[in-house]
C-alpha atoms as a PDB file:
ATOM      1  CA  UNK A   1       8.203  14.947  -5.841  1.00  0.00           C
ATOM      2  CA  UNK A   2       9.946  13.037  -8.574  1.00  0.00           C
ATOM      3  CA  UNK A   3       7.831  11.462 -11.268  1.00  0.00           C
ATOM      4  CA  UNK A   4       8.696   8.466 -13.415  1.00  0.00           C
ATOM      5  CA  UNK A   5       6.844   7.867 -16.686  1.00  0.00           C
ATOM      6  CA  UNK A   6       5.106   4.565 -17.362  1.00  0.00           C
ATOM      7  CA  UNK A   7       4.228   5.429 -20.956  1.00  0.00           C
ATOM      8  CA  UNK A   8       5.042   2.578 -23.323  1.00  0.00           C
ATOM      9  CA  UNK A   9       5.691   0.082 -20.544  1.00  0.00           C
ATOM     10  CA  UNK A  10       3.643  -2.872 -19.360  1.00  0.00           C
ATOM     11  CA  UNK A  11       2.612  -2.067 -15.781  1.00  0.00           C
ATOM     12  CA  UNK A  12       2.989  -5.714 -14.796  1.00  0.00           C
ATOM     13  CA  UNK A  13       6.610  -5.574 -15.930  1.00  0.00           C
ATOM     14  CA  UNK A  14       7.097  -2.363 -13.972  1.00  0.00           C
ATOM     15  CA  UNK A  15       5.642  -3.757 -10.745  1.00  0.00           C
ATOM     16  CA  UNK A  16       7.688  -6.948 -11.070  1.00  0.00           C
ATOM     17  CA  UNK A  17      10.912  -5.019 -11.691  1.00  0.00           C
ATOM     18  CA  UNK A  18      10.259  -2.559  -8.853  1.00  0.00           C
ATOM     19  CA  UNK A  19       9.446  -5.396  -6.463  1.00  0.00           C
ATOM     20  CA  UNK A  20      12.536  -7.378  -7.462  1.00  0.00           C
ATOM     21  CA  UNK A  21      14.787  -4.335  -6.998  1.00  0.00           C
ATOM     22  CA  UNK A  22      13.302  -3.282  -3.640  1.00  0.00           C
ATOM     23  CA  UNK A  23      15.010  -3.999  -0.333  1.00  0.00           C
ATOM     24  CA  UNK A  24      13.409  -6.368   2.135  1.00  0.00           C
ATOM     25  CA  UNK A  25      12.532  -4.142   5.087  1.00  0.00           C
ATOM     26  CA  UNK A  26      10.523  -6.634   7.113  1.00  0.00           C
ATOM     27  CA  UNK A  27      11.864 -10.204   6.818  1.00  0.00           C
ATOM     28  CA  UNK A  28       8.911 -11.509   8.889  1.00  0.00           C
ATOM     29  CA  UNK A  29       6.566 -10.571   6.043  1.00  0.00           C
ATOM     30  CA  UNK A  30       8.826 -11.833   3.259  1.00  0.00           C
ATOM     31  CA  UNK A  31       6.879 -15.046   2.909  1.00  0.00           C
ATOM     32  CA  UNK A  32       8.326 -18.097   1.241  1.00  0.00           C
ATOM     33  CA  UNK A  33       9.269 -16.471  -2.062  1.00  0.00           C
ATOM     34  CA  UNK A  34      12.149 -18.375  -3.628  1.00  0.00           C
ATOM     35  CA  UNK A  35      12.165 -16.620  -6.988  1.00  0.00           C
ATOM     36  CA  UNK A  36      11.603 -13.174  -8.376  1.00  0.00           C
ATOM     37  CA  UNK A  37       8.181 -11.809  -9.228  1.00  0.00           C
ATOM     38  CA  UNK A  38       7.192 -12.130 -12.881  1.00  0.00           C
ATOM     39  CA  UNK A  39       4.823 -10.250 -15.164  1.00  0.00           C
ATOM     40  CA  UNK A  40       1.910 -12.643 -14.701  1.00  0.00           C
ATOM     41  CA  UNK A  41       1.885 -12.442 -10.906  1.00  0.00           C
ATOM     42  CA  UNK A  42       2.353  -8.655 -10.980  1.00  0.00           C
ATOM     43  CA  UNK A  43      -0.440  -8.207 -13.531  1.00  0.00           C
ATOM     44  CA  UNK A  44      -2.781 -10.300 -11.388  1.00  0.00           C
ATOM     45  CA  UNK A  45      -2.067  -8.031  -8.421  1.00  0.00           C
ATOM     46  CA  UNK A  46      -2.700  -4.936 -10.533  1.00  0.00           C
ATOM     47  CA  UNK A  47      -6.027  -6.393 -11.664  1.00  0.00           C
ATOM     48  CA  UNK A  48      -7.100  -6.147  -7.997  1.00  0.00           C
ATOM     49  CA  UNK A  49      -5.614  -2.762  -7.061  1.00  0.00           C
ATOM     50  CA  UNK A  50      -3.677   0.096  -8.620  1.00  0.00           C
ATOM     51  CA  UNK A  51      -1.799   1.065  -5.435  1.00  0.00           C
ATOM     52  CA  UNK A  52       0.882  -1.146  -3.942  1.00  0.00           C
ATOM     53  CA  UNK A  53       2.119   0.125  -0.570  1.00  0.00           C
ATOM     54  CA  UNK A  54       4.163  -2.759   0.716  1.00  0.00           C
ATOM     55  CA  UNK A  55       4.391  -6.302  -0.479  1.00  0.00           C
ATOM     56  CA  UNK A  56       6.074  -9.279   1.177  1.00  0.00           C
ATOM     57  CA  UNK A  57       8.187  -7.081   3.430  1.00  0.00           C
ATOM     58  CA  UNK A  58       9.219  -4.674   0.658  1.00  0.00           C
ATOM     59  CA  UNK A  59       8.235  -1.013   0.614  1.00  0.00           C
ATOM     60  CA  UNK A  60       6.998   0.077  -2.828  1.00  0.00           C
ATOM     61  CA  UNK A  61       4.427   2.861  -2.360  1.00  0.00           C
ATOM     62  CA  UNK A  62       3.577   3.079  -6.072  1.00  0.00           C
ATOM     63  CA  UNK A  63       0.279   4.200  -7.598  1.00  0.00           C
ATOM     64  CA  UNK A  64      -0.126   2.524 -10.986  1.00  0.00           C
ATOM     65  CA  UNK A  65      -3.412   4.258 -11.878  1.00  0.00           C
ATOM     66  CA  UNK A  66      -1.873   6.827 -14.246  1.00  0.00           C
ATOM     67  CA  UNK A  67       0.855   7.221 -16.823  1.00  0.00           C
ATOM     68  CA  UNK A  68       3.462   8.251 -14.245  1.00  0.00           C
ATOM     69  CA  UNK A  69       4.111   7.768 -10.537  1.00  0.00           C
ATOM     70  CA  UNK A  70       5.787   9.688  -7.746  1.00  0.00           C
ATOM     71  CA  UNK A  71       9.011   7.808  -7.025  1.00  0.00           C
ATOM     72  CA  UNK A  72      10.065   9.785  -3.946  1.00  0.00           C
ATOM     73  CA  UNK A  73       8.840   7.242  -1.369  1.00  0.00           C
ATOM     74  CA  UNK A  74      10.139   4.243  -3.302  1.00  0.00           C
ATOM     75  CA  UNK A  75      13.548   5.918  -3.603  1.00  0.00           C
ATOM     76  CA  UNK A  76      13.550   6.983   0.038  1.00  0.00           C
ATOM     77  CA  UNK A  77      13.020   3.395   1.161  1.00  0.00           C
ATOM     78  CA  UNK A  78      15.107   1.565  -1.450  1.00  0.00           C
ATOM     79  CA  UNK A  79      17.823   3.925  -2.676  1.00  0.00           C
ATOM     80  CA  UNK A  80      17.998   7.342  -4.255  1.00  0.00           C
ATOM     81  CA  UNK A  81      17.275   7.236  -7.979  1.00  0.00           C
ATOM     82  CA  UNK A  82      16.523   3.496  -7.980  1.00  0.00           C
ATOM     83  CA  UNK A  83      13.019   3.849  -9.450  1.00  0.00           C
ATOM     84  CA  UNK A  84      14.320   5.689 -12.520  1.00  0.00           C
ATOM     85  CA  UNK A  85      17.184   3.195 -12.876  1.00  0.00           C
ATOM     86  CA  UNK A  86      14.698   0.311 -12.900  1.00  0.00           C
ATOM     87  CA  UNK A  87      12.520   2.072 -15.487  1.00  0.00           C
ATOM     88  CA  UNK A  88      15.544   2.890 -17.664  1.00  0.00           C
ATOM     89  CA  UNK A  89      16.583  -0.763 -17.533  1.00  0.00           C
ATOM     90  CA  UNK A  90      13.083  -1.852 -18.605  1.00  0.00           C
ATOM     91  CA  UNK A  91      13.127   0.609 -21.480  1.00  0.00           C
ATOM     92  CA  UNK A  92      16.493  -0.735 -22.633  1.00  0.00           C
ATOM     93  CA  UNK A  93      15.031  -4.264 -22.729  1.00  0.00           C
ATOM     94  CA  UNK A  94      11.853  -3.219 -24.541  1.00  0.00           C
END
């Protein structure tokens, strides 16, 4: 297991960034999204649930209930080390 810290980050920003960086694995479920996910939409999703398995054809498998998450499944499906890269990028912008 590889854990990525969420401390100091807005979870809506994290979900949006992880979604936007994820590969589309099932184009049939992609929906009609023309733009990237933003903080507001991500925060609204996290108000309903803390676990996001897949979303619009993208595999995320992230549990947002704590201060860190296991990135092994996200990385397996989207690229080795991608979760930490996304988090590092967010931290650089914060």
